[in-house]
Structure formats: structure tokens, C-alpha cells
Protein backbone atom coordinates (compact mmCIF):
# COMPACT_ATOMS: atom_id res chain seq x y z
CA MET A 1 -83.00 -36.54 19.62
CA GLY A 2 -81.43 -39.13 17.31
CA VAL A 3 -82.46 -40.11 13.84
CA ILE A 4 -83.74 -43.59 13.05
CA GLU A 5 -82.81 -44.90 9.61
CA ARG A 6 -84.64 -47.91 8.17
CA ILE A 7 -82.67 -49.95 5.63
CA ALA A 8 -84.39 -52.26 3.15
CA SER A 9 -83.00 -55.16 1.12
CA ASN A 10 -84.38 -57.30 -1.68
CA ALA A 11 -86.03 -59.88 0.59
CA PRO A 12 -89.53 -60.60 -0.71
CA TRP A 13 -90.96 -60.79 2.83
CA GLU A 14 -90.13 -57.20 3.83
CA PRO A 15 -93.14 -55.53 2.15
CA ILE A 16 -95.43 -58.45 2.99
CA PHE A 17 -94.62 -58.53 6.71
CA GLY A 18 -93.77 -54.83 7.05
CA TYR A 19 -90.23 -54.83 8.41
CA SER A 20 -86.83 -53.39 7.57
CA ARG A 21 -83.70 -55.47 6.95
CA ALA A 22 -81.87 -53.25 9.42
CA VAL A 23 -82.64 -50.28 11.62
CA LYS A 24 -79.92 -47.79 12.54
CA ALA A 25 -80.56 -45.77 15.69
CA GLY A 26 -77.64 -43.59 16.66
CA GLU A 27 -74.69 -45.82 17.49
CA PHE A 28 -76.72 -49.04 17.25
CA LEU A 29 -77.77 -51.21 14.34
CA ALA A 30 -80.30 -54.02 14.60
CA VAL A 31 -80.20 -56.49 11.70
CA SER A 32 -83.39 -58.52 11.23
CA GLY A 33 -83.44 -62.28 10.90
CA THR A 34 -81.26 -63.00 7.88
CA THR A 35 -81.24 -66.17 5.84
CA ALA A 36 -79.12 -67.74 3.10
CA THR A 37 -80.36 -65.82 0.09
CA ASP A 38 -78.29 -64.51 -2.79
CA GLU A 39 -78.46 -61.03 -4.35
CA ARG A 40 -81.57 -62.09 -6.32
CA GLY A 41 -83.37 -63.31 -3.19
CA LEU A 42 -82.93 -67.01 -4.06
CA LEU A 43 -82.03 -69.58 -1.41
CA VAL A 44 -78.40 -70.74 -1.35
CA GLY A 45 -77.40 -74.22 -0.10
CA ALA A 46 -80.67 -76.16 0.07
CA GLY A 47 -80.20 -78.93 2.65
CA GLN A 48 -76.72 -77.67 3.63
CA MET A 49 -76.69 -76.22 7.15
CA TYR A 50 -73.10 -74.91 7.07
CA VAL A 51 -73.56 -73.29 3.65
CA GLN A 52 -76.79 -71.61 4.75
CA ALA A 53 -75.36 -70.40 8.07
CA ARG A 54 -72.26 -68.99 6.36
CA GLN A 55 -74.32 -67.27 3.65
CA ALA A 56 -76.65 -65.76 6.25
CA LEU A 57 -73.64 -64.40 8.16
CA LEU A 58 -72.07 -63.03 4.96
CA ASN A 59 -75.39 -61.34 4.21
CA ILE A 60 -75.36 -59.83 7.71
CA LYS A 61 -71.78 -58.65 7.13
CA ALA A 62 -72.86 -56.93 3.90
CA HIS A 63 -75.81 -55.21 5.61
CA VAL A 64 -73.61 -54.13 8.54
CA GLU A 65 -71.02 -52.61 6.21
CA ARG A 66 -73.69 -51.01 4.01
CA ALA A 67 -74.98 -49.23 7.13
CA GLY A 68 -71.47 -47.93 7.85
CA PHE A 69 -70.69 -50.31 10.72
CA ASN A 70 -67.99 -52.95 11.17
CA ILE A 71 -68.64 -56.71 11.49
CA ALA A 72 -66.12 -56.74 14.36
CA ASN A 73 -68.62 -54.63 16.33
CA VAL A 74 -71.41 -57.23 16.35
CA ILE A 75 -72.30 -57.48 20.04
CA ARG A 76 -75.08 -60.09 19.85
CA THR A 77 -76.43 -62.74 17.52
CA ARG A 78 -79.59 -64.79 17.76
CA VAL A 79 -79.59 -67.95 15.70
CA PHE A 80 -82.74 -69.88 14.85
CA THR A 81 -82.44 -73.34 13.30
CA THR A 82 -84.83 -76.05 12.28
CA ASP A 83 -82.36 -78.77 13.36
CA ILE A 84 -80.27 -78.09 16.46
CA SER A 85 -78.58 -81.49 16.13
CA ARG A 86 -76.55 -79.82 13.35
CA PHE A 87 -75.17 -77.27 15.82
CA ALA A 88 -71.54 -77.96 14.85
CA GLU A 89 -72.15 -76.81 11.26
CA ILE A 90 -73.74 -73.56 12.43
CA ALA A 91 -70.99 -73.03 15.02
CA ARG A 92 -68.31 -73.49 12.36
CA ALA A 93 -69.77 -70.73 10.18
CA HIS A 94 -70.40 -68.43 13.17
CA ARG A 95 -66.82 -68.89 14.36
CA GLU A 96 -65.39 -68.26 10.86
CA ILE A 97 -67.20 -64.95 10.43
CA LEU A 98 -67.36 -63.67 14.03
CA GLY A 99 -64.81 -65.72 15.96
CA SER A 100 -62.14 -63.01 16.18
CA ASN A 101 -64.63 -60.84 18.10
CA PRO A 102 -67.20 -63.28 19.48
CA PRO A 103 -70.53 -61.68 20.36
CA ALA A 104 -73.02 -62.71 22.99
CA SER A 105 -75.18 -65.28 21.24
CA THR A 106 -78.24 -67.48 21.52
CA LEU A 107 -79.11 -70.57 19.46
CA VAL A 108 -82.62 -72.02 19.48
CA GLU A 109 -84.46 -74.65 17.51
CA VAL A 110 -87.70 -73.68 15.83
CA LYS A 111 -90.33 -75.76 14.06
CA SER A 112 -89.84 -74.04 10.71
CA LEU A 113 -88.81 -70.83 8.99
CA VAL A 114 -90.67 -68.76 6.37
CA HIS A 115 -89.46 -70.97 3.49
CA PRO A 116 -89.57 -74.76 3.95
CA GLU A 117 -85.99 -75.26 2.68
CA MET A 118 -84.48 -72.64 5.01
CA LEU A 119 -82.54 -74.26 7.84
CA VAL A 120 -81.15 -71.24 9.70
CA GLU A 121 -81.96 -67.57 10.32
CA ILE A 122 -79.68 -65.15 12.18
CA GLU A 123 -80.22 -61.73 13.77
CA ALA A 124 -77.43 -59.37 14.80
CA ASP A 125 -77.07 -56.30 16.98
CA VAL A 126 -74.14 -54.00 16.28
CA TRP A 127 -72.58 -51.07 18.15
CA ALA A 128 -70.78 -48.32 16.24
CA GLY A 129 -68.01 -47.89 18.81
CA ALA A 130 -64.48 -49.07 18.18
CA ALA A 131 -63.97 -52.82 18.32
CA GLU A 132 -61.52 -53.98 20.94
CA GLY A 133 -59.90 -56.37 18.50
CA PRO A 134 -59.46 -60.10 18.87
CA VAL A 135 -60.24 -61.79 22.15
CA ASN A 136 -57.28 -61.93 24.49
CA PRO A 137 -56.22 -65.59 24.51
CA GLU A 138 -54.57 -65.04 27.92
CA ALA A 139 -57.86 -64.01 29.54
CA LYS A 140 -59.10 -66.42 32.19
CA VAL A 141 -62.68 -67.39 31.38
CA ALA A 142 -64.55 -70.19 33.12
CA PRO A 143 -65.55 -73.06 30.82
CA THR A 144 -69.19 -73.36 29.79
CA GLY A 145 -71.37 -74.29 32.73
CA ALA A 146 -68.69 -73.45 35.31
CA ALA A 147 -69.07 -70.65 37.82
CA GLN A 148 -66.74 -67.68 37.71
CA LYS A 149 -64.86 -67.32 41.02
CA ARG A 150 -65.78 -64.14 42.82
CA PRO A 151 -64.57 -63.02 46.23
CA GLY A 152 -66.97 -64.22 48.93
CA VAL A 153 -69.08 -66.35 46.56
CA ALA A 154 -68.82 -70.12 46.61
CA ALA A 155 -69.09 -71.99 43.32
CA PRO A 156 -72.21 -74.18 43.04
CA LYS A 157 -71.72 -77.93 43.22
CA ALA A 158 -71.88 -79.75 39.88
CA LYS A 159 -75.09 -81.64 39.16
CA ALA A 160 -75.33 -84.99 37.42
CA ALA A 161 -76.43 -84.84 33.79
CA GLY A 162 -79.80 -86.47 34.54
CA PRO A 163 -82.33 -87.87 32.07
CA LYS A 164 -82.65 -84.72 29.96
CA ALA A 165 -79.03 -84.71 28.86
CA ALA A 166 -76.92 -87.08 26.81
CA ALA A 167 -73.17 -87.33 26.47
CA SER A 168 -71.68 -85.67 23.46
CA PRO A 169 -68.84 -87.30 21.51
CA LYS A 170 -66.35 -85.41 23.70
CA GLY A 171 -68.04 -86.49 26.92
CA ARG A 172 -69.74 -83.18 27.72
CA ALA A 173 -73.43 -83.09 28.51
CA ARG A 174 -75.64 -81.62 25.83
CA PRO A 175 -79.39 -80.97 25.91
CA ARG A 176 -81.67 -83.43 24.18
CA ARG A 177 -83.57 -82.19 21.16
CA ARG A 178 -87.18 -81.26 21.82
CA LYS A 179 -89.83 -82.77 19.59
């Protein structure tokens, strides 16, 4: 039976809510929602989405390394933001820190986070196995929204964008922001 190690940080909410910054279970590490705080627990980058996203990811990197894992082995991130219209700023930071080994990821908009000036919070799951290295640029991957071709399976027909989508600056459909 494996050992579970609970890792704390200096976040003021850990003892109040009763959670650990990270939990190491065998070859896996789960990093709790991480925000843009400095080593003293103070918010970095008030009002600056990119700065907060990058700081949160750097904090995750520090926690991952402290637990003896490698940031290249992040297999999943979950990103929560209070303003999804600023997606590009979050994506820029995510790509800078994790782009060489992109994880599975989810981005959702939430009403608010624990501190009113926090704009983004990120979770990460990490596997201790060896990272495969950078993504193979020669690999054939279907673009977002397109079906992968599989033998004997027909690709679905494209649907019109409809009323719930708007054109992005590059002409791709993007979901409208929920209110």
C-alpha cells in the first residue's frame, strides 16, 4: 500500500478551509488551486491577468519541484478565471510555462475567487514518470473542433456557429461569455 504525503504552503486559506497545497500519492501529485501570491502570501499583479496567471503557474512549478516532480510531467491543468474574455492573457502564460509539454487542460469562468482581486486560479495534476519531451511538431493532430479520421468512422458535418457563438478576430467561432 502506498504512502500519501500532504504538502502545505504559506497560503492563509489552508488551515481555514482544511486542505493541502499538494498531495503526493505514489507516482501522482495533485496541486490544489493555486493563485498569484508571493512567498509572503500577498497577491501579485492586481488587475493584471497575464501577470497573475504566470505567477500562479510559477507557484505550481515551485510546488511540483518541491515535491520531487518535474513541471514537464504536468498531465492536466484546470484553470478558473473571473473573466474568460481575457483568455489570450491566460493562454500566453500557460503556453510559456507548459507549452513544451502541453497537458490536457480545462478553462472555465467563475463568478469570483476567494480574494476579490484574484483573477485566476490553477490546479495541476502531475505524474512522476519520465516526460516524453517536447511535442512532436510533425505529429498530425486535427485542429480544434475537427474530428480525427478513424478507419470506418465518418467525420461529422460542420455546424453553423449559431446565436451562441461570435466570430473571433481570426474568424473562428468562440463561445459567448455567460452572465
